[in-house]
Protein backbone atom coordinates (compact mmCIF):
# COMPACT_ATOMS: atom_id res chain seq x y z
CA MET A 1 10.32 -51.55 -19.74
CA ALA A 2 12.47 -52.48 -16.78
CA VAL A 3 14.23 -49.11 -16.91
CA THR A 4 10.87 -47.30 -16.84
CA GLU A 5 9.77 -49.23 -13.76
CA LEU A 6 13.09 -48.57 -12.05
CA TYR A 7 13.35 -44.87 -12.71
CA GLY A 8 9.69 -43.93 -13.21
CA ARG A 9 7.87 -42.77 -16.29
CA SER A 10 9.26 -40.77 -19.17
CA PHE A 11 8.02 -37.33 -20.15
CA SER A 12 7.22 -38.52 -23.67
CA ASP A 13 5.12 -41.43 -22.36
CA ALA A 14 3.16 -39.21 -20.03
CA LEU A 15 2.70 -36.62 -22.77
CA TYR A 16 1.32 -39.23 -25.18
CA GLU A 17 -1.09 -40.69 -22.64
CA ARG A 18 -2.42 -37.28 -21.57
CA TYR A 19 -2.67 -35.42 -24.88
CA CYS A 20 -2.38 -37.90 -27.76
CA ASP A 21 -5.18 -39.37 -29.88
CA PHE A 22 -5.67 -42.88 -28.57
CA ASP A 23 -6.13 -44.23 -32.12
CA SER A 24 -2.38 -43.71 -32.62
CA THR A 25 0.44 -45.52 -30.89
CA PHE A 26 3.70 -44.38 -29.42
CA ASP A 27 5.53 -46.04 -32.34
CA ASP A 28 3.54 -43.74 -34.65
CA LEU A 29 4.82 -40.80 -32.63
CA LYS A 30 8.40 -41.96 -33.06
CA ASN A 31 8.02 -42.62 -36.78
CA GLY A 32 6.50 -39.21 -37.50
CA CYS A 33 3.09 -40.51 -38.51
CA ASP A 34 -0.18 -38.68 -38.00
CA ILE A 35 -0.45 -37.91 -34.27
CA VAL A 36 -3.23 -35.88 -32.70
CA TYR A 37 -2.22 -33.55 -29.84
CA PHE A 38 -4.64 -31.07 -28.33
CA VAL A 39 -5.21 -28.97 -25.26
CA GLY A 40 -8.56 -27.25 -24.83
CA SER A 41 -9.56 -26.36 -28.40
CA SER A 42 -10.29 -28.92 -31.11
CA PRO A 43 -7.19 -30.27 -32.89
CA LYS A 44 -6.05 -29.08 -36.31
CA LYS A 45 -3.78 -30.80 -38.81
CA THR A 46 -0.66 -29.19 -40.24
CA GLU A 47 1.15 -29.94 -43.47
CA SER A 48 3.37 -32.39 -41.64
CA GLY A 49 0.34 -34.29 -40.40
CA LEU A 50 0.75 -33.18 -36.73
CA ILE A 51 -1.89 -31.24 -34.80
CA LEU A 52 -0.13 -28.76 -32.56
CA ASN A 53 -2.70 -26.63 -30.79
CA ALA A 54 -1.16 -27.07 -27.34
CA SER A 55 0.43 -23.99 -25.77
CA THR A 56 0.38 -25.45 -22.24
CA VAL A 57 1.38 -28.88 -21.01
CA VAL A 58 0.50 -29.89 -17.45
CA LEU A 59 1.88 -33.21 -16.21
CA THR A 60 1.92 -32.92 -12.43
CA ASP A 61 2.29 -35.86 -10.06
CA GLU A 62 2.91 -38.37 -12.84
CA ARG A 63 6.07 -40.03 -11.43
CA ILE A 64 8.10 -38.64 -14.37
CA SER A 65 11.83 -39.04 -13.85
CA HIS A 66 13.39 -38.76 -17.34
CA VAL A 67 12.77 -37.33 -20.77
CA GLY A 68 12.24 -40.37 -22.98
CA ASP A 69 12.33 -39.48 -26.68
CA PRO A 70 13.58 -35.86 -27.04
CA HIS A 71 12.89 -35.81 -30.80
CA ALA A 72 9.22 -36.67 -30.33
CA ILE A 73 8.92 -34.02 -27.62
CA GLU A 74 10.55 -31.35 -29.76
CA THR A 75 8.28 -32.18 -32.71
CA SER A 76 4.99 -32.35 -30.84
CA CYS A 77 5.68 -29.41 -28.48
CA SER A 78 7.06 -26.94 -30.95
CA HIS A 79 4.43 -24.34 -29.91
CA VAL A 80 4.35 -25.09 -26.19
CA GLU A 81 5.19 -22.07 -24.03
CA LEU A 82 4.33 -23.33 -20.53
CA VAL A 83 5.25 -26.70 -19.01
CA ASP A 84 4.20 -27.71 -15.51
CA ILE A 85 5.93 -30.88 -14.32
CA SER A 86 5.86 -30.16 -10.60
CA SER A 87 5.59 -32.95 -8.00
CA ASN A 88 7.34 -35.55 -10.15
CA ALA A 89 10.52 -37.61 -9.73
CA PHE A 90 13.16 -35.59 -11.60
CA SER A 91 16.47 -35.63 -9.71
CA ASP A 92 19.10 -35.51 -12.48
CA TRP A 93 19.96 -32.12 -13.96
CA HIS A 94 21.16 -33.85 -17.09
CA GLU A 95 17.54 -34.88 -17.76
CA ILE A 96 16.31 -31.34 -17.08
CA SER A 97 18.92 -29.97 -19.45
CA LEU A 98 17.81 -32.45 -22.12
CA LEU A 99 14.15 -31.57 -21.56
CA LEU A 100 14.68 -27.81 -21.84
CA SER A 101 16.72 -28.35 -24.97
CA SER A 102 13.75 -30.32 -26.38
CA LEU A 103 11.36 -27.44 -25.66
CA PRO A 104 12.88 -24.64 -27.70
CA HIS A 105 9.96 -22.22 -27.33
CA VAL A 106 9.04 -22.78 -23.70
CA LYS A 107 8.88 -19.54 -21.66
CA THR A 108 7.68 -20.88 -18.29
CA ILE A 109 8.63 -24.15 -16.65
CA ASN A 110 7.55 -25.33 -13.21
CA LEU A 111 10.00 -27.80 -11.65
CA SER A 112 8.74 -27.38 -8.09
CA PHE A 113 8.69 -30.29 -5.65
CA ASN A 114 11.01 -32.53 -7.61
CA PRO A 115 13.70 -34.30 -5.51
CA PHE A 116 16.77 -32.62 -6.93
CA SER A 117 20.15 -33.33 -5.40
CA SER A 118 21.64 -30.63 -3.20
CA HIS A 119 25.00 -31.09 -4.93
CA LEU A 120 26.23 -28.70 -7.58
CA HIS A 121 25.92 -29.96 -11.15
CA ILE A 122 28.01 -27.99 -13.65
CA LEU A 123 26.09 -27.57 -16.87
CA PRO A 124 27.95 -27.63 -20.23
CA ASP A 125 29.09 -24.23 -21.49
CA ASP A 126 27.28 -24.56 -24.82
CA ILE A 127 23.84 -24.95 -23.20
CA GLN A 128 21.63 -21.84 -23.29
CA TRP A 129 17.89 -21.40 -22.76
CA PRO A 130 17.37 -17.84 -24.01
CA ASN A 131 13.56 -18.08 -24.27
CA LEU A 132 12.98 -19.04 -20.65
CA ASN A 133 11.17 -16.22 -18.82
CA THR A 134 9.88 -17.84 -15.62
CA LEU A 135 11.52 -20.63 -13.59
CA CYS A 136 9.80 -22.26 -10.58
CA LEU A 137 11.94 -24.32 -8.21
CA ASN A 138 9.79 -24.20 -5.07
CA GLY A 139 10.09 -27.02 -2.55
CA SER A 140 12.88 -28.74 -4.48
CA ARG A 141 15.59 -28.15 -1.82
CA ILE A 142 17.90 -27.07 -4.63
CA SER A 143 21.05 -25.31 -3.41
CA LEU A 144 21.61 -21.66 -4.18
CA ASP A 145 24.82 -22.59 -5.95
CA MET A 146 22.79 -24.74 -8.35
CA VAL A 147 20.27 -21.92 -8.78
CA VAL A 148 23.08 -19.60 -9.83
CA GLU A 149 24.37 -22.27 -12.24
CA VAL A 150 20.92 -22.47 -13.89
CA LEU A 151 20.64 -18.69 -14.01
CA LYS A 152 23.84 -18.55 -16.05
CA LYS A 153 21.98 -20.49 -18.78
CA THR A 154 18.89 -18.26 -18.74
CA PRO A 155 20.04 -14.75 -19.65
CA ASN A 156 16.50 -13.47 -20.29
CA LEU A 157 14.86 -14.89 -17.19
CA GLU A 158 12.62 -12.31 -15.44
CA GLU A 159 10.97 -14.34 -12.64
CA LEU A 160 12.51 -16.84 -10.23
CA GLN A 161 10.57 -18.79 -7.58
CA ILE A 162 12.65 -20.52 -4.89
CA CYS A 163 10.21 -20.74 -1.97
CA SER A 164 10.19 -23.48 0.68
CA ASN A 165 13.78 -24.57 0.09
CA ASN A 166 15.00 -24.22 3.69
CA TYR A 167 17.47 -21.42 2.95
CA THR A 168 18.98 -19.90 6.07
CA THR A 169 21.39 -17.39 4.53
CA ILE A 170 22.47 -16.00 1.16
CA LEU A 171 26.18 -15.64 0.61
CA SER A 172 27.95 -12.93 -1.33
CA ASN A 173 30.69 -14.93 -3.08
CA TYR A 174 28.83 -16.07 -6.20
CA ASN A 175 30.70 -13.65 -8.46
CA PHE A 176 27.65 -13.40 -10.66
CA GLN A 177 24.92 -10.91 -11.49
CA HIS A 178 21.73 -11.46 -13.48
CA ASN A 179 20.79 -8.17 -15.10
CA ASN A 180 17.31 -9.11 -16.39
CA LEU A 181 15.74 -10.76 -13.37
CA LYS A 182 12.96 -8.54 -11.94
CA ARG A 183 10.82 -10.76 -9.70
CA VAL A 184 12.01 -13.11 -6.94
CA TYR A 185 9.79 -15.27 -4.73
CA ILE A 186 11.69 -16.57 -1.70
CA SER A 187 8.90 -17.02 0.87
CA ASN A 188 8.68 -19.72 3.53
CA ASN A 189 12.40 -20.14 4.11
CA ASN A 190 14.48 -19.59 7.25
CA LEU A 191 16.15 -16.27 6.47
CA THR A 192 16.71 -14.22 9.63
CA ASP A 193 19.23 -11.59 8.57
CA TRP A 194 18.37 -8.61 6.38
CA LYS A 195 21.85 -8.88 4.86
CA SER A 196 20.64 -11.92 2.93
CA ILE A 197 17.92 -9.81 1.35
CA CYS A 198 20.47 -7.17 0.43
CA ARG A 199 22.63 -9.84 -1.23
CA LEU A 200 19.68 -10.76 -3.39
CA GLY A 201 19.85 -7.17 -4.56
CA ASP A 202 23.52 -7.68 -5.37
CA LEU A 203 22.70 -10.82 -7.39
CA PHE A 204 19.82 -9.11 -9.19
CA PRO A 205 20.56 -5.39 -9.51
CA HIS A 206 17.33 -4.73 -11.46
CA LEU A 207 15.08 -6.49 -8.94
CA GLU A 208 11.66 -4.81 -8.79
CA THR A 209 9.45 -7.25 -6.87
CA LEU A 210 10.53 -9.29 -3.85
CA ILE A 211 8.12 -11.68 -2.11
CA ALA A 212 9.88 -12.72 1.10
CA SER A 213 6.99 -13.47 3.48
CA ASP A 214 7.06 -16.23 6.09
CA ASN A 215 10.73 -15.72 6.84
CA PRO A 216 11.75 -15.08 10.48
CA LEU A 217 13.47 -11.79 9.63
CA LYS A 218 14.27 -10.02 12.89
CA SER A 219 15.00 -6.65 11.37
CA PHE A 220 14.91 -4.63 8.15
CA ARG A 221 18.25 -3.08 9.04
CA SER A 222 21.82 -4.22 8.43
CA ASP A 223 25.14 -3.10 9.84
CA ASP A 224 26.33 -1.87 6.47
CA ASP A 225 23.11 0.11 5.95
CA ASP A 226 23.39 -0.48 2.21
CA THR A 227 19.71 -1.28 1.64
CA ALA A 228 19.12 1.73 -0.57
CA ILE A 229 22.09 0.80 -2.76
CA CYS A 230 21.47 -2.92 -3.30
CA LEU A 231 17.67 -2.58 -3.68
CA SER A 232 17.54 0.68 -5.55
CA ASN A 233 14.90 -0.52 -8.08
CA LEU A 234 12.66 -2.44 -5.67
CA HIS A 235 9.11 -1.10 -5.84
CA THR A 236 7.07 -4.02 -4.40
CA LEU A 237 7.93 -5.80 -1.17
CA SER A 238 6.03 -8.49 0.74
CA VAL A 239 7.37 -9.28 4.22
CA ASP A 240 4.32 -10.68 5.98
CA GLN A 241 4.82 -13.04 8.95
CA VAL A 242 8.22 -11.64 9.91
CA GLN A 243 9.59 -11.11 13.43
CA ILE A 244 10.33 -7.40 13.55
CA SER A 245 9.45 -5.65 16.83
CA GLU A 246 10.49 -1.99 16.42
CA TRP A 247 9.14 0.91 14.39
CA ASN A 248 12.72 1.72 13.45
CA ASP A 249 12.57 -1.27 11.10
CA ILE A 250 9.63 0.30 9.29
CA ILE A 251 11.56 3.57 9.15
CA ALA A 252 14.46 1.64 7.57
CA LEU A 253 12.18 0.61 4.67
CA THR A 254 11.53 4.25 3.89
CA LYS A 255 15.14 4.44 2.70
CA LEU A 256 14.29 2.28 -0.31
CA PRO A 257 14.05 4.96 -3.01
CA ALA A 258 11.57 3.21 -5.34
CA LEU A 259 9.37 1.31 -2.84
CA HIS A 260 5.68 2.16 -3.25
CA ALA A 261 3.85 -1.14 -2.48
CA LEU A 262 4.18 -2.98 0.83
CA ARG A 263 2.49 -6.05 2.30
CA ILE A 264 2.91 -6.71 6.01
CA HIS A 265 -0.07 -7.99 7.97
CA SER A 266 1.42 -9.91 10.85
CA ALA A 267 4.49 -9.20 13.00
CA PRO A 268 5.20 -8.83 16.74
CA LEU A 269 5.45 -5.08 16.15
CA LEU A 270 1.85 -4.85 14.90
CA LYS A 271 0.23 -7.36 17.25
CA PRO A 272 -0.73 -4.85 20.03
CA TYR A 273 -2.58 -2.59 17.57
CA GLN A 274 -6.03 -2.80 16.06
CA LYS A 275 -6.37 -3.16 12.30
CA ASP A 276 -7.19 0.51 11.71
CA GLU A 277 -4.30 1.58 13.96
CA ARG A 278 -1.84 -0.53 11.98
CA PHE A 279 -3.12 1.10 8.80
CA PHE A 280 -2.64 4.74 9.80
CA LEU A 281 0.64 4.11 11.62
CA LEU A 282 2.20 2.33 8.64
CA LEU A 283 0.97 5.00 6.25
CA GLY A 284 2.14 7.73 8.61
CA TYR A 285 5.69 6.37 8.64
CA MET A 286 5.88 5.42 4.94
CA LYS A 287 5.23 8.58 2.99
CA LYS A 288 5.84 7.09 -0.48
CA ILE A 289 3.56 4.06 -0.19
CA ILE A 290 0.65 4.06 -2.67
CA LYS A 291 -0.45 0.46 -2.05
CA LEU A 292 -0.61 -1.15 1.39
CA ASN A 293 -1.55 -4.81 1.94
CA GLY A 294 -3.08 -4.99 -1.51
CA SER A 295 -5.21 -1.82 -1.23
CA ASP A 296 -4.60 1.31 -3.27
CA ILE A 297 -4.16 4.39 -1.08
CA THR A 298 -6.25 7.39 -2.07
CA ALA A 299 -5.23 10.96 -1.34
CA ASN A 300 -8.03 11.24 1.22
CA GLU A 301 -6.89 8.07 3.05
CA ARG A 302 -3.34 9.39 3.05
CA GLU A 303 -4.32 12.69 4.63
CA THR A 304 -6.66 11.08 7.18
CA SER A 305 -3.98 8.59 8.23
CA GLU A 306 -1.34 11.30 8.60
CA ARG A 307 -3.69 13.37 10.78
CA ARG A 308 -4.43 10.36 12.97
CA PHE A 309 -0.69 9.74 13.17
CA ILE A 310 -0.18 13.26 14.54
CA ARG A 311 -2.94 12.90 17.13
CA TYR A 312 -1.63 9.50 18.18
CA TYR A 313 1.89 10.72 18.92
CA SER A 314 0.82 14.10 20.32
CA GLN A 315 0.02 12.36 23.62
CA ARG A 316 3.27 10.38 23.71
CA ASP A 317 6.82 11.23 24.66
CA ASP A 318 8.52 9.00 22.05
CA LYS A 319 7.71 11.19 19.06
CA PRO A 320 9.46 10.04 15.85
CA GLN A 321 10.99 12.44 13.35
CA ARG A 322 8.10 11.72 11.00
CA TYR A 323 5.73 13.33 13.53
CA PHE A 324 7.46 16.70 13.19
CA GLU A 325 7.48 16.40 9.40
CA LEU A 326 3.72 15.91 9.42
CA ILE A 327 3.26 18.80 11.85
CA GLU A 328 4.81 21.07 9.23
CA ARG A 329 2.33 19.79 6.66
CA HIS A 330 -0.93 19.57 8.66
CA GLY A 331 -0.27 21.77 11.68
CA ASN A 332 -0.42 20.92 15.37
CA LEU A 333 -3.76 19.08 15.69
CA LYS A 334 -5.66 18.71 18.95
CA PRO A 335 -6.86 15.25 20.06
CA LEU A 336 -10.41 14.44 19.01
CA VAL A 337 -13.10 14.36 21.69
CA ASP A 338 -13.94 10.77 22.60
CA ILE A 339 -17.70 10.51 22.23
CA THR A 340 -19.40 7.21 22.86
CA ILE A 341 -22.34 6.84 20.53
CA ARG A 342 -24.89 4.18 21.37
CA ALA A 343 -27.57 2.93 19.05
CA PRO A 344 -30.85 4.87 19.58
CA TYR A 345 -32.78 1.65 20.03
CA LEU A 346 -30.83 0.61 23.13
CA ALA A 347 -31.74 1.71 26.66
CA GLN A 348 -30.05 1.22 30.04
CA VAL A 349 -32.74 0.13 32.50
CA HIS A 350 -33.04 -1.35 35.98
CA LEU A 351 -34.66 -4.78 36.38
CA VAL A 352 -35.99 -5.23 39.95
CA TYR A 353 -36.79 -8.71 41.20
CA ASN A 354 -36.90 -9.92 44.81
CA LYS A 355 -35.77 -6.44 45.92
CA ILE A 356 -32.54 -6.87 43.94
CA THR A 357 -31.78 -4.48 41.09
CA HIS A 358 -30.01 -5.60 37.92
CA ASP A 359 -28.72 -3.02 35.42
CA LYS A 360 -29.23 -4.18 31.82
CA GLU A 361 -29.18 -2.80 28.30
CA ILE A 362 -32.29 -3.76 26.36
CA ASP A 363 -33.43 -3.39 22.76
CA VAL A 364 -36.67 -1.41 22.68
CA ARG A 365 -37.50 -2.74 19.19
CA GLN A 366 -38.55 -6.07 20.68
CA THR A 367 -42.12 -6.98 21.65
CA VAL A 368 -43.43 -7.47 25.16
CA GLN A 369 -43.52 -11.22 24.58
CA GLN A 370 -39.87 -11.26 23.48
CA PHE A 371 -38.90 -9.13 26.46
CA LYS A 372 -40.66 -11.50 28.84
CA LYS A 373 -38.83 -14.45 27.32
CA TYR A 374 -35.60 -12.54 27.90
CA LEU A 375 -36.56 -12.03 31.56
CA GLN A 376 -37.51 -15.68 31.84
CA GLU A 377 -33.99 -16.68 30.81
CA ILE A 378 -32.34 -14.21 33.18
CA PHE A 379 -34.38 -14.88 36.32
CA HIS A 380 -35.48 -18.47 35.57
CA ILE A 381 -39.14 -17.65 36.13
CA PRO A 382 -41.89 -19.76 34.51
CA PHE A 383 -43.26 -17.76 31.63
CA ASN A 384 -46.89 -18.31 32.63
CA ARG A 385 -46.26 -16.86 36.08
CA LEU A 386 -44.36 -13.77 34.95
CA ARG A 387 -45.76 -10.25 35.48
CA VAL A 388 -43.81 -7.15 34.48
CA PHE A 389 -44.50 -3.54 35.50
CA TYR A 390 -42.88 -0.57 33.81
CA VAL A 391 -42.04 2.52 35.88
CA ASP A 392 -41.10 5.74 34.09
CA ASP A 393 -38.53 7.02 36.57
CA VAL A 394 -38.95 10.74 35.84
CA ALA A 395 -42.75 10.72 35.55
CA PHE A 396 -43.19 8.69 38.72
CA ASN A 397 -40.98 10.99 40.79
CA MET A 398 -42.92 13.97 39.47
CA GLY A 399 -46.18 12.33 40.53
CA VAL A 400 -47.49 12.18 36.97
CA CYS A 401 -48.12 8.45 36.63
CA GLY A 402 -47.62 5.16 38.37
CA PRO A 403 -46.41 1.73 37.26
CA GLU A 404 -47.87 0.22 34.10
CA GLU A 405 -48.16 -3.50 33.52
CA LEU A 406 -46.90 -4.93 30.25
CA LYS A 407 -50.03 -6.83 29.17
CA TYR A 408 -50.06 -6.97 25.40
CA PRO A 409 -47.65 -9.58 23.96
CA GLN A 410 -47.23 -7.99 20.52
CA ARG A 411 -46.81 -4.41 21.67
CA LEU A 412 -43.34 -2.99 21.01
CA LEU A 413 -41.35 -1.73 23.96
CA HIS A 414 -40.51 1.61 22.32
CA THR A 415 -44.22 2.53 22.41
CA TYR A 416 -43.85 2.88 26.19
CA ASN A 417 -41.37 5.71 25.55
CA ILE A 418 -38.63 4.00 27.57
CA HIS A 419 -35.63 6.08 28.65
CA ASP A 420 -32.32 5.36 30.32
CA GLY A 421 -32.78 4.84 34.07
CA ASP A 422 -36.38 3.57 33.89
CA GLN A 423 -37.34 0.50 35.89
CA PHE A 424 -39.07 -2.80 35.26
CA HIS A 425 -40.42 -4.61 38.33
CA ILE A 426 -40.79 -8.35 37.93
CA ASP A 427 -43.38 -10.16 40.01
CA LEU A 428 -44.79 -13.68 40.22
CA LYS A 429 -48.32 -14.87 39.80
CA PRO A 430 -49.36 -17.51 42.37
CA ASP A 431 -48.85 -21.14 41.55
CA LEU A 432 -52.40 -22.38 40.99
CA ARG A 433 -51.26 -25.94 41.48
CA LYS A 434 -50.72 -25.28 45.21
CA PRO A 435 -53.66 -26.11 47.55
CA GLN A 436 -55.79 -23.11 48.49
CA GLN A 437 -56.67 -22.14 52.05
CA SER A 438 -59.88 -23.47 53.52
CA ASN A 439 -63.07 -21.51 52.99
CA GLN A 440 -63.25 -20.81 56.71
CA ILE A 441 -59.86 -19.09 56.75
CA ALA A 442 -60.72 -17.20 53.58
CA ASP A 443 -64.06 -16.02 55.00
CA SER A 444 -62.44 -14.83 58.23
CA THR A 445 -59.76 -13.00 56.29
CA ARG A 446 -62.35 -11.39 54.06
CA HIS A 447 -64.46 -10.35 57.06
CA SER A 448 -61.53 -8.77 58.89
CA ARG A 449 -60.39 -6.88 55.82
CA LYS A 450 -63.90 -5.59 55.13
CA LYS A 451 -64.24 -4.41 58.72
CA SER A 452 -60.97 -2.54 58.66
CA THR A 453 -61.88 -0.97 55.36
CA ASP A 454 -65.26 0.25 56.60
CA ASN A 455 -63.55 2.02 59.48
CA SER A 456 -61.00 3.67 57.22
CA PRO A 457 -61.33 7.47 56.78
CA ASN A 458 -60.40 7.11 53.07
CA SER A 459 -63.76 6.42 51.49
CA SER A 460 -62.25 6.33 48.05
CA PHE A 461 -60.86 2.86 48.75
CA SER A 462 -64.00 1.47 50.39
CA SER A 463 -66.02 1.03 47.24
CA THR A 464 -63.21 -0.81 45.53
CA SER A 465 -62.33 -3.18 48.29
CA SER A 466 -65.87 -4.04 49.21
CA ASP A 467 -66.41 -5.81 45.91
CA ASP A 468 -62.92 -7.09 45.32
CA ASP A 469 -61.62 -8.12 48.71
CA LYS A 470 -60.36 -11.36 47.22
CA ILE A 471 -58.23 -9.46 44.64
CA ILE A 472 -54.63 -8.97 45.80
CA SER A 473 -52.33 -6.57 43.90
CA PRO A 474 -49.12 -8.31 42.73
CA PHE A 475 -47.22 -5.02 42.94
CA THR A 476 -45.59 -4.42 46.32
CA PHE A 477 -46.16 -0.88 47.54
CA ASP A 478 -42.90 -1.06 49.43
CA SER A 479 -41.27 -0.58 46.04
CA LEU A 480 -43.46 2.46 45.43
CA GLN A 481 -42.22 3.73 48.76
CA LYS A 482 -38.56 3.42 47.61
CA LEU A 483 -39.19 4.93 44.19
CA SER A 484 -40.69 8.13 45.58
CA ASN A 485 -37.50 8.90 47.59
CA GLN A 486 -39.56 11.10 49.90
CA THR A 487 -38.69 11.61 53.55
CA ASP A 488 -41.95 13.16 54.58
CA ILE A 489 -43.34 11.31 57.62
CA ASN A 490 -46.99 11.67 56.58
CA THR A 491 -46.23 10.24 53.14
CA HIS A 492 -44.33 7.39 54.77
CA GLN A 493 -47.27 6.59 57.01
CA ALA A 494 -49.63 6.75 54.06
CA PHE A 495 -47.55 4.13 52.24
CA ILE A 496 -47.72 1.92 55.31
CA GLN A 497 -51.47 2.26 55.42
CA LEU A 498 -51.68 1.42 51.72
CA ASP A 499 -49.57 -1.64 52.25
CA GLN A 500 -51.88 -2.76 55.05
CA LEU A 501 -54.97 -2.11 52.99
CA TYR A 502 -53.56 -3.84 49.89
CA PRO A 503 -50.98 -6.42 50.86
CA SER A 504 -48.40 -7.56 48.28
CA ALA A 505 -48.31 -10.97 46.65
CA GLU A 506 -45.74 -12.14 49.17
CA LYS A 507 -48.37 -11.92 51.98
CA THR A 508 -51.25 -13.65 50.26
CA SER A 509 -51.91 -16.74 48.31
CA GLN A 510 -54.74 -15.53 46.06
CA ILE A 511 -54.28 -13.36 42.96
CA ASN A 512 -56.70 -12.52 40.21
CA ASP A 513 -54.92 -11.40 37.02
CA ASP A 514 -58.04 -9.92 35.47
CA ASP A 515 -58.50 -6.97 37.75
CA ASP A 516 -55.84 -4.23 37.69
CA ASP A 517 -58.09 -1.37 38.79
CA LEU A 518 -56.91 -1.86 42.32
CA LEU A 519 -53.33 -1.16 41.29
CA PHE A 520 -54.30 2.02 39.49
CA ALA A 521 -56.42 3.25 42.40
CA ALA A 522 -53.64 2.57 44.86
CA ALA A 523 -51.09 4.42 42.77
CA SER A 524 -53.48 7.36 42.33
CA ALA A 525 -54.04 7.55 46.06
CA CYS A 526 -50.30 7.51 46.62
CA ILE A 527 -49.80 10.38 44.22
CA GLN A 528 -52.64 12.37 45.78
CA MET A 529 -51.15 11.97 49.26
CA LYS A 530 -47.77 13.12 48.00
CA LYS A 531 -49.36 16.26 46.57
CA ASP A 532 -51.24 16.95 49.80
């Protein structure tokens, strides 16, 4: 018991506690009595009294440091093909050798994140693990020399995972080749030189898949330029999060004769480009790629990308050789016309408030009430004092119609037939909380206005103002004057007379929101004078 506490738990103990029938004891396991093991499906008994349904054993993070009873493990795990003992306390390769020898049919073993020693441990010559197909040694800081030593015992291994082991370089003096290994995962290390990747090709001449992302590789080129030789069978390559900065590095990958799947999302080279630009540039350079960043490339996407590649480089001086190759295939294409298409429900209008014009883009699908709330936020006007007048720029200048107040809260803006360049004039209702002028001042004002109106030669205004002298139009006719853009002196004088007859809200303190006939009459008179 003291040994277990000192060195951690044994594999056999952890196996019993996780998968064994609790009616049995560990002594029963040792003595070959009826033991119940199961994973997933219900257990079944064999002629020997053991129930061996388990094909997978997962004992992660169990503080396991040694094997325990190898005979019990071999008996109970005779059909186990996958063992995951990652994140435990294995550090002695003798124990790993003993464990693998006790699992004769295991095909996949995960030894990741166990604190193995960085020193080389020479394994006995008679040890062989011919059934092992996949070996995971991620995050174990195991030396590459020790990896090669293990590979010598696994002649049929096809997949090796050695990520996060802080490798900085791969040497070429191992004097060993593994002829069956096809997949290598070596991501999240510190490899900077492409020569190290080429040496992986020397170690594994039949390598087909290489996952080498999250390595600070500065180039995909080497001085020897032997990439095509050492990686002649490589068809899938992942080099995301590398540090390449030149398109010549991408061109170097085209020398790999069998490469047809590439994953590279992030690199200094690609950072200045948009996502779609990265796509067509990568496809333009790499003519053999049929899968890019996990997506299958259709024939239509290939042709579209190559055409965009031509148009992109047609305006540049640094044309690559690939550009001329594509010209022979697709011809010399002209640049596409850059047309800006805006949604049909958006309009560029002018918002006029306090004689200051603001150019805004508005959505004509909104209601009048929503539009007024939008104006309230822009100009910080109390909603209950807000009045808005719409001016159709073209119709007003043609003398067809005048300004129209937006009265109905649920009416949609598009029903006003708003176009680009139209105007909205924002005005304020009076603050009813302010004290009104005395009746004497109001009477004198009313009397003077009535007198001036009676003397006016324009009788068409007399009938209106006689009954509604106290009604003041909130729309300033100075703005009408600016909208007309007329230089005729008579028209100018007529506007001045209108402004005297119907002063704006800035000159009065009384406004009645219920009467808008005055506004319409004034606008009509203005139009009539312009025609005359």
